[in-house]
Amino acid sequence: MADRTQEEIAEDIKFVLKDKIAPSVAQHGGFINYKSFDMDSGTATLELAGACSGCAMSKMTLQQSVEDMLKHYVPEVKAIVGEDDEKAEEQGYSPFVPRGTIDN
């Protein structure tokens, strides 16, 4: 396989995120966005946004599902790193339900 450019790899990562991953995380009010790809280490950095930001389950989803899928479709990806969207709460997203806010 010929060496691919960082831009080609980034486009493939974005495609997999949009086409294969977005539909399932969107069902839970979340988004996973592409941030960057490091050619030397093979590490893709992704942003956990919406309801995924700050959610403990999103970390497990990221490692067990998203990483496997990206490695499968984009062989240059060796690992992923997830970063929470720092503005999620400002946009009304919170993965936690504060005590006393649920009506019984």
PDB file of N, CA and C in Angstrom:
ATOM      1  N   MET A   1       0.848  -1.191   0.000  1.00  0.00           N
ATOM      2  CA  MET A   1       0.000   0.000   0.000  1.00  0.00           C
ATOM      3  C   MET A   1       0.888   1.248   0.000  1.00  0.00           C
ATOM      4  N   ALA A   2       0.589   2.164  -0.860  1.00  0.00           N
ATOM      5  CA  ALA A   2       1.369   3.390  -0.952  1.00  0.00           C
ATOM      6  C   ALA A   2       1.138   4.258   0.273  1.00  0.00           C
ATOM      7  N   ASP A   3       2.162   5.028   0.608  1.00  0.00           N
ATOM      8  CA  ASP A   3       2.015   5.944   1.736  1.00  0.00           C
ATOM      9  C   ASP A   3       0.943   6.971   1.426  1.00  0.00           C
ATOM     10  N   ARG A   4       0.105   7.219   2.401  1.00  0.00           N
ATOM     11  CA  ARG A   4      -0.970   8.186   2.220  1.00  0.00           C
ATOM     12  C   ARG A   4      -0.637   9.460   2.980  1.00  0.00           C
ATOM     13  N   THR A   5      -1.216  10.558   2.531  1.00  0.00           N
ATOM     14  CA  THR A   5      -0.972  11.836   3.199  1.00  0.00           C
ATOM     15  C   THR A   5      -1.818  11.941   4.462  1.00  0.00           C
ATOM     16  N   GLN A   6      -1.435  12.846   5.315  1.00  0.00           N
ATOM     17  CA  GLN A   6      -2.190  13.090   6.535  1.00  0.00           C
ATOM     18  C   GLN A   6      -3.612  13.535   6.195  1.00  0.00           C
ATOM     19  N   GLU A   7      -3.755  14.309   5.132  1.00  0.00           N
ATOM     20  CA  GLU A   7      -5.074  14.788   4.728  1.00  0.00           C
ATOM     21  C   GLU A   7      -5.972  13.630   4.286  1.00  0.00           C
ATOM     22  N   GLU A   8      -5.407  12.670   3.553  1.00  0.00           N
ATOM     23  CA  GLU A   8      -6.186  11.511   3.116  1.00  0.00           C
ATOM     24  C   GLU A   8      -6.644  10.673   4.314  1.00  0.00           C
ATOM     25  N   ILE A   9      -5.744  10.481   5.256  1.00  0.00           N
ATOM     26  CA  ILE A   9      -6.083   9.715   6.464  1.00  0.00           C
ATOM     27  C   ILE A   9      -7.154  10.441   7.265  1.00  0.00           C
ATOM     28  N   ALA A  10      -6.981  11.763   7.424  1.00  0.00           N
ATOM     29  CA  ALA A  10      -7.959  12.565   8.165  1.00  0.00           C
ATOM     30  C   ALA A  10      -9.336  12.472   7.525  1.00  0.00           C
ATOM     31  N   GLU A  11      -9.399  12.521   6.194  1.00  0.00           N
ATOM     32  CA  GLU A  11     -10.681  12.420   5.499  1.00  0.00           C
ATOM     33  C   GLU A  11     -11.333  11.058   5.754  1.00  0.00           C
ATOM     34  N   ASP A  12     -10.528  10.005   5.761  1.00  0.00           N
ATOM     35  CA  ASP A  12     -11.077   8.676   6.045  1.00  0.00           C
ATOM     36  C   ASP A  12     -11.598   8.576   7.476  1.00  0.00           C
ATOM     37  N   ILE A  13     -10.867   9.140   8.421  1.00  0.00           N
ATOM     38  CA  ILE A  13     -11.309   9.135   9.821  1.00  0.00           C
ATOM     39  C   ILE A  13     -12.637   9.883   9.942  1.00  0.00           C
ATOM     40  N   LYS A  14     -12.718  11.051   9.329  1.00  0.00           N
ATOM     41  CA  LYS A  14     -13.952  11.842   9.376  1.00  0.00           C
ATOM     42  C   LYS A  14     -15.123  11.084   8.747  1.00  0.00           C
ATOM     43  N   PHE A  15     -14.852  10.381   7.639  1.00  0.00           N
ATOM     44  CA  PHE A  15     -15.907   9.613   6.984  1.00  0.00           C
ATOM     45  C   PHE A  15     -16.434   8.514   7.909  1.00  0.00           C
ATOM     46  N   VAL A  16     -15.526   7.770   8.537  1.00  0.00           N
ATOM     47  CA  VAL A  16     -15.945   6.686   9.433  1.00  0.00           C
ATOM     48  C   VAL A  16     -16.730   7.253  10.608  1.00  0.00           C
ATOM     49  N   LEU A  17     -16.273   8.374  11.167  1.00  0.00           N
ATOM     50  CA  LEU A  17     -17.000   8.995  12.279  1.00  0.00           C
ATOM     51  C   LEU A  17     -18.413   9.378  11.846  1.00  0.00           C
ATOM     52  N   LYS A  18     -18.534   9.970  10.672  1.00  0.00           N
ATOM     53  CA  LYS A  18     -19.847  10.439  10.193  1.00  0.00           C
ATOM     54  C   LYS A  18     -20.748   9.283   9.763  1.00  0.00           C
ATOM     55  N   ASP A  19     -20.194   8.361   9.004  1.00  0.00           N
ATOM     56  CA  ASP A  19     -21.007   7.321   8.388  1.00  0.00           C
ATOM     57  C   ASP A  19     -21.278   6.123   9.298  1.00  0.00           C
ATOM     58  N   LYS A  20     -20.316   5.723  10.086  1.00  0.00           N
ATOM     59  CA  LYS A  20     -20.419   4.487  10.862  1.00  0.00           C
ATOM     60  C   LYS A  20     -20.696   4.715  12.354  1.00  0.00           C
ATOM     61  N   ILE A  21     -20.224   5.835  12.889  1.00  0.00           N
ATOM     62  CA  ILE A  21     -20.281   6.030  14.339  1.00  0.00           C
ATOM     63  C   ILE A  21     -21.345   7.044  14.758  1.00  0.00           C
ATOM     64  N   ALA A  22     -21.473   8.124  14.019  1.00  0.00           N
ATOM     65  CA  ALA A  22     -22.403   9.200  14.398  1.00  0.00           C
ATOM     66  C   ALA A  22     -23.837   8.733  14.635  1.00  0.00           C
ATOM     67  N   PRO A  23     -24.386   7.866  13.783  1.00  0.00           N
ATOM     68  CA  PRO A  23     -25.786   7.473  14.006  1.00  0.00           C
ATOM     69  C   PRO A  23     -26.033   6.849  15.385  1.00  0.00           C
ATOM     70  N   SER A  24     -25.125   6.014  15.862  1.00  0.00           N
ATOM     71  CA  SER A  24     -25.372   5.363  17.154  1.00  0.00           C
ATOM     72  C   SER A  24     -25.152   6.297  18.336  1.00  0.00           C
ATOM     73  N   VAL A  25     -24.130   7.160  18.296  1.00  0.00           N
ATOM     74  CA  VAL A  25     -23.944   8.072  19.432  1.00  0.00           C
ATOM     75  C   VAL A  25     -24.979   9.190  19.424  1.00  0.00           C
ATOM     76  N   ALA A  26     -25.502   9.523  18.244  1.00  0.00           N
ATOM     77  CA  ALA A  26     -26.541  10.561  18.155  1.00  0.00           C
ATOM     78  C   ALA A  26     -27.828  10.123  18.838  1.00  0.00           C
ATOM     79  N   GLN A  27     -28.086   8.815  18.877  1.00  0.00           N
ATOM     80  CA  GLN A  27     -29.277   8.306  19.561  1.00  0.00           C
ATOM     81  C   GLN A  27     -29.263   8.663  21.044  1.00  0.00           C
ATOM     82  N   HIS A  28     -28.095   8.920  21.565  1.00  0.00           N
ATOM     83  CA  HIS A  28     -27.945   9.260  22.985  1.00  0.00           C
ATOM     84  C   HIS A  28     -27.641  10.738  23.179  1.00  0.00           C
ATOM     85  N   GLY A  29     -27.772  11.530  22.129  1.00  0.00           N
ATOM     86  CA  GLY A  29     -27.546  12.968  22.227  1.00  0.00           C
ATOM     87  C   GLY A  29     -26.079  13.357  22.174  1.00  0.00           C
ATOM     88  N   GLY A  30     -25.239  12.468  21.663  1.00  0.00           N
ATOM     89  CA  GLY A  30     -23.810  12.750  21.637  1.00  0.00           C
ATOM     90  C   GLY A  30     -23.255  12.923  20.243  1.00  0.00           C
ATOM     91  N   PHE A  31     -22.026  13.410  20.215  1.00  0.00           N
ATOM     92  CA  PHE A  31     -21.288  13.630  18.978  1.00  0.00           C
ATOM     93  C   PHE A  31     -19.836  13.260  19.237  1.00  0.00           C
ATOM     94  N   ILE A  32     -19.174  12.725  18.230  1.00  0.00           N
ATOM     95  CA  ILE A  32     -17.735  12.498  18.315  1.00  0.00           C
ATOM     96  C   ILE A  32     -17.129  13.178  17.097  1.00  0.00           C
ATOM     97  N   ASN A  33     -16.326  14.189  17.341  1.00  0.00           N
ATOM     98  CA  ASN A  33     -15.750  15.004  16.278  1.00  0.00           C
ATOM     99  C   ASN A  33     -14.257  14.738  16.116  1.00  0.00           C
ATOM    100  N   TYR A  34     -13.780  14.833  14.903  1.00  0.00           N
ATOM    101  CA  TYR A  34     -12.354  14.712  14.603  1.00  0.00           C
ATOM    102  C   TYR A  34     -11.630  15.979  15.050  1.00  0.00           C
ATOM    103  N   LYS A  35     -10.493  15.818  15.709  1.00  0.00           N
ATOM    104  CA  LYS A  35      -9.658  16.973  16.064  1.00  0.00           C
ATOM    105  C   LYS A  35      -8.332  16.937  15.315  1.00  0.00           C
ATOM    106  N   SER A  36      -7.632  15.787  15.368  1.00  0.00           N
ATOM    107  CA  SER A  36      -6.332  15.720  14.707  1.00  0.00           C
ATOM    108  C   SER A  36      -5.868  14.278  14.565  1.00  0.00           C
ATOM    109  N   PHE A  37      -4.816  14.106  13.761  1.00  0.00           N
ATOM    110  CA  PHE A  37      -4.187  12.800  13.601  1.00  0.00           C
ATOM    111  C   PHE A  37      -2.684  12.996  13.593  1.00  0.00           C
ATOM    112  N   ASP A  38      -1.986  12.236  14.432  1.00  0.00           N
ATOM    113  CA  ASP A  38      -0.527  12.298  14.506  1.00  0.00           C
ATOM    114  C   ASP A  38       0.052  11.150  13.681  1.00  0.00           C
ATOM    115  N   MET A  39       0.704  11.481  12.602  1.00  0.00           N
ATOM    116  CA  MET A  39       1.263  10.469  11.680  1.00  0.00           C
ATOM    117  C   MET A  39       2.332   9.614  12.358  1.00  0.00           C
ATOM    118  N   ASP A  40       3.139  10.221  13.237  1.00  0.00           N
ATOM    119  CA  ASP A  40       4.242   9.490  13.859  1.00  0.00           C
ATOM    120  C   ASP A  40       3.757   8.381  14.785  1.00  0.00           C
ATOM    121  N   SER A  41       2.758   8.689  15.601  1.00  0.00           N
ATOM    122  CA  SER A  41       2.277   7.709  16.579  1.00  0.00           C
ATOM    123  C   SER A  41       1.059   6.927  16.092  1.00  0.00           C
ATOM    124  N   GLY A  42       0.389   7.426  15.046  1.00  0.00           N
ATOM    125  CA  GLY A  42      -0.835   6.790  14.580  1.00  0.00           C
ATOM    126  C   GLY A  42      -2.015   7.061  15.496  1.00  0.00           C
ATOM    127  N   THR A  43      -1.952   8.167  16.238  1.00  0.00           N
ATOM    128  CA  THR A  43      -2.989   8.494  17.213  1.00  0.00           C
ATOM    129  C   THR A  43      -3.965   9.531  16.661  1.00  0.00           C
ATOM    130  N   ALA A  44      -5.242   9.179  16.696  1.00  0.00           N
ATOM    131  CA  ALA A  44      -6.301  10.111  16.321  1.00  0.00           C
ATOM    132  C   ALA A  44      -6.856  10.730  17.599  1.00  0.00           C
ATOM    133  N   THR A  45      -6.964  12.046  17.619  1.00  0.00           N
ATOM    134  CA  THR A  45      -7.558  12.745  18.751  1.00  0.00           C
ATOM    135  C   THR A  45      -8.969  13.148  18.358  1.00  0.00           C
ATOM    136  N   LEU A  46      -9.921  12.744  19.200  1.00  0.00           N
ATOM    137  CA  LEU A  46     -11.332  12.982  18.937  1.00  0.00           C
ATOM    138  C   LEU A  46     -11.940  13.787  20.071  1.00  0.00           C
ATOM    139  N   GLU A  47     -12.942  14.582  19.744  1.00  0.00           N
ATOM    140  CA  GLU A  47     -13.651  15.367  20.748  1.00  0.00           C
ATOM    141  C   GLU A  47     -14.983  14.700  21.054  1.00  0.00           C
ATOM    142  N   LEU A  48     -15.228  14.475  22.335  1.00  0.00           N
ATOM    143  CA  LEU A  48     -16.506  13.939  22.796  1.00  0.00           C
ATOM    144  C   LEU A  48     -17.394  15.136  23.090  1.00  0.00           C
ATOM    145  N   ALA A  49     -18.464  15.278  22.337  1.00  0.00           N
ATOM    146  CA  ALA A  49     -19.307  16.462  22.457  1.00  0.00           C
ATOM    147  C   ALA A  49     -20.749  16.071  22.730  1.00  0.00           C
ATOM    148  N   GLY A  50     -21.560  17.079  22.994  1.00  0.00           N
ATOM    149  CA  GLY A  50     -22.955  16.833  23.327  1.00  0.00           C
ATOM    150  C   GLY A  50     -23.042  16.047  24.615  1.00  0.00           C
ATOM    151  N   ALA A  51     -23.951  15.093  24.670  1.00  0.00           N
ATOM    152  CA  ALA A  51     -24.138  14.297  25.884  1.00  0.00           C
ATOM    153  C   ALA A  51     -22.948  13.386  26.170  1.00  0.00           C
ATOM    154  N   CYS A  52     -22.079  13.158  25.178  1.00  0.00           N
ATOM    155  CA  CYS A  52     -20.886  12.314  25.392  1.00  0.00           C
ATOM    156  C   CYS A  52     -19.844  13.013  26.265  1.00  0.00           C
ATOM    157  N   SER A  53     -19.843  14.324  26.249  1.00  0.00           N
ATOM    158  CA  SER A  53     -18.830  15.067  26.986  1.00  0.00           C
ATOM    159  C   SER A  53     -18.989  14.842  28.494  1.00  0.00           C
ATOM    160  N   GLY A  54     -17.951  14.301  29.099  1.00  0.00           N
ATOM    161  CA  GLY A  54     -17.963  14.071  30.538  1.00  0.00           C
ATOM    162  C   GLY A  54     -18.627  12.777  30.962  1.00  0.00           C
ATOM    163  N   CYS A  55     -19.180  12.031  30.037  1.00  0.00           N
ATOM    164  CA  CYS A  55     -19.886  10.795  30.373  1.00  0.00           C
ATOM    165  C   CYS A  55     -18.906   9.640  30.490  1.00  0.00           C
ATOM    166  N   ALA A  56     -18.956   8.930  31.607  1.00  0.00           N
ATOM    167  CA  ALA A  56     -18.052   7.792  31.819  1.00  0.00           C
ATOM    168  C   ALA A  56     -18.283   6.695  30.793  1.00  0.00           C
ATOM    169  N   MET A  57     -19.510   6.475  30.396  1.00  0.00           N
ATOM    170  CA  MET A  57     -19.797   5.442  29.397  1.00  0.00           C
ATOM    171  C   MET A  57     -19.201   5.782  28.033  1.00  0.00           C
ATOM    172  N   SER A  58     -19.077   7.079  27.733  1.00  0.00           N
ATOM    173  CA  SER A  58     -18.513   7.445  26.429  1.00  0.00           C
ATOM    174  C   SER A  58     -17.054   7.035  26.341  1.00  0.00           C
ATOM    175  N   LYS A  59     -16.356   7.036  27.455  1.00  0.00           N
ATOM    176  CA  LYS A  59     -14.952   6.599  27.463  1.00  0.00           C
ATOM    177  C   LYS A  59     -14.871   5.116  27.102  1.00  0.00           C
ATOM    178  N   MET A  60     -15.793   4.325  27.632  1.00  0.00           N
ATOM    179  CA  MET A  60     -15.805   2.900  27.334  1.00  0.00           C
ATOM    180  C   MET A  60     -16.193   2.683  25.860  1.00  0.00           C
ATOM    181  N   THR A  61     -17.193   3.402  25.396  1.00  0.00           N
ATOM    182  CA  THR A  61     -17.608   3.307  23.995  1.00  0.00           C
ATOM    183  C   THR A  61     -16.450   3.679  23.084  1.00  0.00           C
ATOM    184  N   LEU A  62     -15.749   4.731  23.459  1.00  0.00           N
ATOM    185  CA  LEU A  62     -14.623   5.197  22.658  1.00  0.00           C
ATOM    186  C   LEU A  62     -13.573   4.110  22.519  1.00  0.00           C
ATOM    187  N   GLN A  63     -13.204   3.501  23.622  1.00  0.00           N
ATOM    188  CA  GLN A  63     -12.145   2.504  23.600  1.00  0.00           C
ATOM    189  C   GLN A  63     -12.595   1.176  23.004  1.00  0.00           C
ATOM    190  N   GLN A  64     -13.815   0.756  23.268  1.00  0.00           N
ATOM    191  CA  GLN A  64     -14.254  -0.572  22.829  1.00  0.00           C
ATOM    192  C   GLN A  64     -14.849  -0.592  21.428  1.00  0.00           C
ATOM    193  N   SER A  65     -15.483   0.464  21.017  1.00  0.00           N
ATOM    194  CA  SER A  65     -16.160   0.443  19.720  1.00  0.00           C
ATOM    195  C   SER A  65     -15.502   1.354  18.698  1.00  0.00           C
ATOM    196  N   VAL A  66     -15.352   2.611  19.059  1.00  0.00           N
ATOM    197  CA  VAL A  66     -14.846   3.595  18.106  1.00  0.00           C
ATOM    198  C   VAL A  66     -13.416   3.267  17.695  1.00  0.00           C
ATOM    199  N   GLU A  67     -12.573   2.944  18.666  1.00  0.00           N
ATOM    200  CA  GLU A  67     -11.177   2.645  18.337  1.00  0.00           C
ATOM    201  C   GLU A  67     -11.088   1.420  17.423  1.00  0.00           C
ATOM    202  N   ASP A  68     -11.828   0.362  17.741  1.00  0.00           N
ATOM    203  CA  ASP A  68     -11.801  -0.839  16.904  1.00  0.00           C
ATOM    204  C   ASP A  68     -12.262  -0.531  15.478  1.00  0.00           C
ATOM    205  N   MET A  69     -13.321   0.252  15.357  1.00  0.00           N
ATOM    206  CA  MET A  69     -13.846   0.562  14.036  1.00  0.00           C
ATOM    207  C   MET A  69     -12.858   1.407  13.232  1.00  0.00           C
ATOM    208  N   LEU A  70     -12.267   2.403  13.880  1.00  0.00           N
ATOM    209  CA  LEU A  70     -11.298   3.241  13.163  1.00  0.00           C
ATOM    210  C   LEU A  70     -10.078   2.429  12.735  1.00  0.00           C
ATOM    211  N   LYS A  71      -9.596   1.571  13.614  1.00  0.00           N
ATOM    212  CA  LYS A  71      -8.447   0.723  13.258  1.00  0.00           C
ATOM    213  C   LYS A  71      -8.781  -0.184  12.078  1.00  0.00           C
ATOM    214  N   HIS A  72     -10.010  -0.668  12.042  1.00  0.00           N
ATOM    215  CA  HIS A  72     -10.433  -1.550  10.958  1.00  0.00           C
ATOM    216  C   HIS A  72     -10.478  -0.818   9.615  1.00  0.00           C
ATOM    217  N   TYR A  73     -11.137   0.342   9.588  1.00  0.00           N
ATOM    218  CA  TYR A  73     -11.336   1.065   8.338  1.00  0.00           C
ATOM    219  C   TYR A  73     -10.167   1.956   7.937  1.00  0.00           C
ATOM    220  N   VAL A  74      -9.375   2.389   8.913  1.00  0.00           N
ATOM    221  CA  VAL A  74      -8.241   3.275   8.644  1.00  0.00           C
ATOM    222  C   VAL A  74      -7.012   2.642   9.298  1.00  0.00           C
ATOM    223  N   PRO A  75      -6.303   1.781   8.587  1.00  0.00           N
ATOM    224  CA  PRO A  75      -5.217   1.012   9.188  1.00  0.00           C
ATOM    225  C   PRO A  75      -4.076   1.848   9.778  1.00  0.00           C
ATOM    226  N   GLU A  76      -3.977   3.085   9.373  1.00  0.00           N
ATOM    227  CA  GLU A  76      -2.938   3.956   9.945  1.00  0.00           C
ATOM    228  C   GLU A  76      -3.229   4.323  11.397  1.00  0.00           C
ATOM    229  N   VAL A  77      -4.488   4.215  11.815  1.00  0.00           N
ATOM    230  CA  VAL A  77      -4.869   4.532  13.200  1.00  0.00           C
ATOM    231  C   VAL A  77      -4.423   3.381  14.102  1.00  0.00           C
ATOM    232  N   LYS A  78      -3.584   3.698  15.067  1.00  0.00           N
ATOM    233  CA  LYS A  78      -3.083   2.714  16.027  1.00  0.00           C
ATOM    234  C   LYS A  78      -3.712   2.903  17.410  1.00  0.00           C
ATOM    235  N   ALA A  79      -4.172   4.119  17.687  1.00  0.00           N
ATOM    236  CA  ALA A  79      -4.774   4.428  18.989  1.00  0.00           C
ATOM    237  C   ALA A  79      -5.626   5.689  18.845  1.00  0.00           C
ATOM    238  N   ILE A  80      -6.515   5.889  19.815  1.00  0.00           N
ATOM    239  CA  ILE A  80      -7.292   7.130  19.840  1.00  0.00           C
ATOM    240  C   ILE A  80      -7.229   7.745  21.229  1.00  0.00           C
ATOM    241  N   VAL A  81      -7.408   9.053  21.246  1.00  0.00           N
ATOM    242  CA  VAL A  81      -7.466   9.816  22.490  1.00  0.00           C
ATOM    243  C   VAL A  81      -8.747  10.628  22.427  1.00  0.00           C
ATOM    244  N   GLY A  82      -9.531  10.598  23.496  1.00  0.00           N
ATOM    245  CA  GLY A  82     -10.766  11.374  23.548  1.00  0.00           C
ATOM    246  C   GLY A  82     -10.615  12.565  24.470  1.00  0.00           C
ATOM    247  N   GLU A  83     -11.097  13.700  24.026  1.00  0.00           N
ATOM    248  CA  GLU A  83     -11.096  14.913  24.841  1.00  0.00           C
ATOM    249  C   GLU A  83     -12.531  15.402  24.951  1.00  0.00           C
ATOM    250  N   ASP A  84     -12.935  15.795  26.157  1.00  0.00           N
ATOM    251  CA  ASP A  84     -14.290  16.309  26.359  1.00  0.00           C
ATOM    252  C   ASP A  84     -14.426  17.708  25.778  1.00  0.00           C
ATOM    253  N   ASP A  85     -15.594  17.984  25.242  1.00  0.00           N
ATOM    254  CA  ASP A  85     -15.932  19.320  24.759  1.00  0.00           C
ATOM    255  C   ASP A  85     -16.109  20.218  25.974  1.00  0.00           C
ATOM    256  N   GLU A  86     -15.250  21.203  26.099  1.00  0.00           N
ATOM    257  CA  GLU A  86     -15.283  22.075  27.271  1.00  0.00           C
ATOM    258  C   GLU A  86     -16.505  22.984  27.301  1.00  0.00           C
ATOM    259  N   LYS A  87     -17.199  23.124  26.174  1.00  0.00           N
ATOM    260  CA  LYS A  87     -18.355  24.016  26.112  1.00  0.00           C
ATOM    261  C   LYS A  87     -19.683  23.264  26.147  1.00  0.00           C
ATOM    262  N   ALA A  88     -19.639  21.952  26.388  1.00  0.00           N
ATOM    263  CA  ALA A  88     -20.872  21.149  26.363  1.00  0.00           C
ATOM    264  C   ALA A  88     -21.901  21.651  27.359  1.00  0.00           C
ATOM    265  N   GLU A  89     -21.461  21.948  28.567  1.00  0.00           N
ATOM    266  CA  GLU A  89     -22.412  22.393  29.590  1.00  0.00           C
ATOM    267  C   GLU A  89     -23.047  23.722  29.213  1.00  0.00           C
ATOM    268  N   GLU A  90     -22.259  24.625  28.600  1.00  0.00           N
ATOM    269  CA  GLU A  90     -22.786  25.913  28.155  1.00  0.00           C
ATOM    270  C   GLU A  90     -23.884  25.719  27.110  1.00  0.00           C
ATOM    271  N   GLN A  91     -23.791  24.624  26.350  1.00  0.00           N
ATOM    272  CA  GLN A  91     -24.756  24.335  25.291  1.00  0.00           C
ATOM    273  C   GLN A  91     -25.936  23.517  25.803  1.00  0.00           C
ATOM    274  N   GLY A  92     -25.979  23.290  27.122  1.00  0.00           N
ATOM    275  CA  GLY A  92     -27.106  22.588  27.717  1.00  0.00           C
ATOM    276  C   GLY A  92     -26.941  21.091  27.837  1.00  0.00           C
ATOM    277  N   TYR A  93     -25.731  20.576  27.566  1.00  0.00           N
ATOM    278  CA  TYR A  93     -25.503  19.141  27.672  1.00  0.00           C
ATOM    279  C   TYR A  93     -24.844  18.811  28.997  1.00  0.00           C
ATOM    280  N   SER A  94     -25.419  17.853  29.687  1.00  0.00           N
ATOM    281  CA  SER A  94     -24.824  17.353  30.909  1.00  0.00           C
ATOM    282  C   SER A  94     -25.132  15.862  30.997  1.00  0.00           C
ATOM    283  N   PRO A  95     -24.093  15.028  31.135  1.00  0.00           N
ATOM    284  CA  PRO A  95     -24.346  13.594  31.206  1.00  0.00           C
ATOM    285  C   PRO A  95     -24.878  13.153  32.565  1.00  0.00           C
ATOM    286  N   PHE A  96     -24.915  14.060  33.505  1.00  0.00           N
ATOM    287  CA  PHE A  96     -25.312  13.714  34.859  1.00  0.00           C
ATOM    288  C   PHE A  96     -26.631  14.379  35.209  1.00  0.00           C
ATOM    289  N   VAL A  97     -27.454  13.676  35.962  1.00  0.00           N
ATOM    290  CA  VAL A  97     -28.711  14.240  36.434  1.00  0.00           C
ATOM    291  C   VAL A  97     -28.485  14.634  37.894  1.00  0.00           C
ATOM    292  N   PRO A  98     -28.491  15.923  38.189  1.00  0.00           N
ATOM    293  CA  PRO A  98     -28.273  16.347  39.565  1.00  0.00           C
ATOM    294  C   PRO A  98     -29.327  15.787  40.512  1.00  0.00           C
ATOM    295  N   ARG A  99     -28.918  15.437  41.702  1.00  0.00           N
ATOM    296  CA  ARG A  99     -29.806  14.872  42.718  1.00  0.00           C
ATOM    297  C   ARG A  99     -30.972  15.824  42.974  1.00  0.00           C
ATOM    298  N   GLY A 100     -32.163  15.256  43.020  1.00  0.00           N
ATOM    299  CA  GLY A 100     -33.344  16.051  43.336  1.00  0.00           C
ATOM    300  C   GLY A 100     -34.003  16.711  42.131  1.00  0.00           C
ATOM    301  N   THR A 101     -33.511  16.415  40.911  1.00  0.00           N
ATOM    302  CA  THR A 101     -34.103  17.075  39.744  1.00  0.00           C
ATOM    303  C   THR A 101     -35.081  16.188  38.988  1.00  0.00           C
ATOM    304  N   ILE A 102     -35.227  14.941  39.419  1.00  0.00           N
ATOM    305  CA  ILE A 102     -36.155  14.030  38.749  1.00  0.00           C
ATOM    306  C   ILE A 102     -37.464  14.006  39.537  1.00  0.00           C
ATOM    307  N   ASP A 103     -38.567  14.239  38.806  1.00  0.00           N
ATOM    308  CA  ASP A 103     -39.888  14.173  39.439  1.00  0.00           C
ATOM    309  C   ASP A 103     -40.296  12.705  39.550  1.00  0.00           C
ATOM    310  N   ASN A 104     -40.744  12.305  40.725  1.00  0.00           N
ATOM    311  CA  ASN A 104     -41.203  10.918  40.910  1.00  0.00           C
ATOM    312  C   ASN A 104     -42.708  10.858  40.878  1.00  0.00           C
TER     313      ASN A 104
END
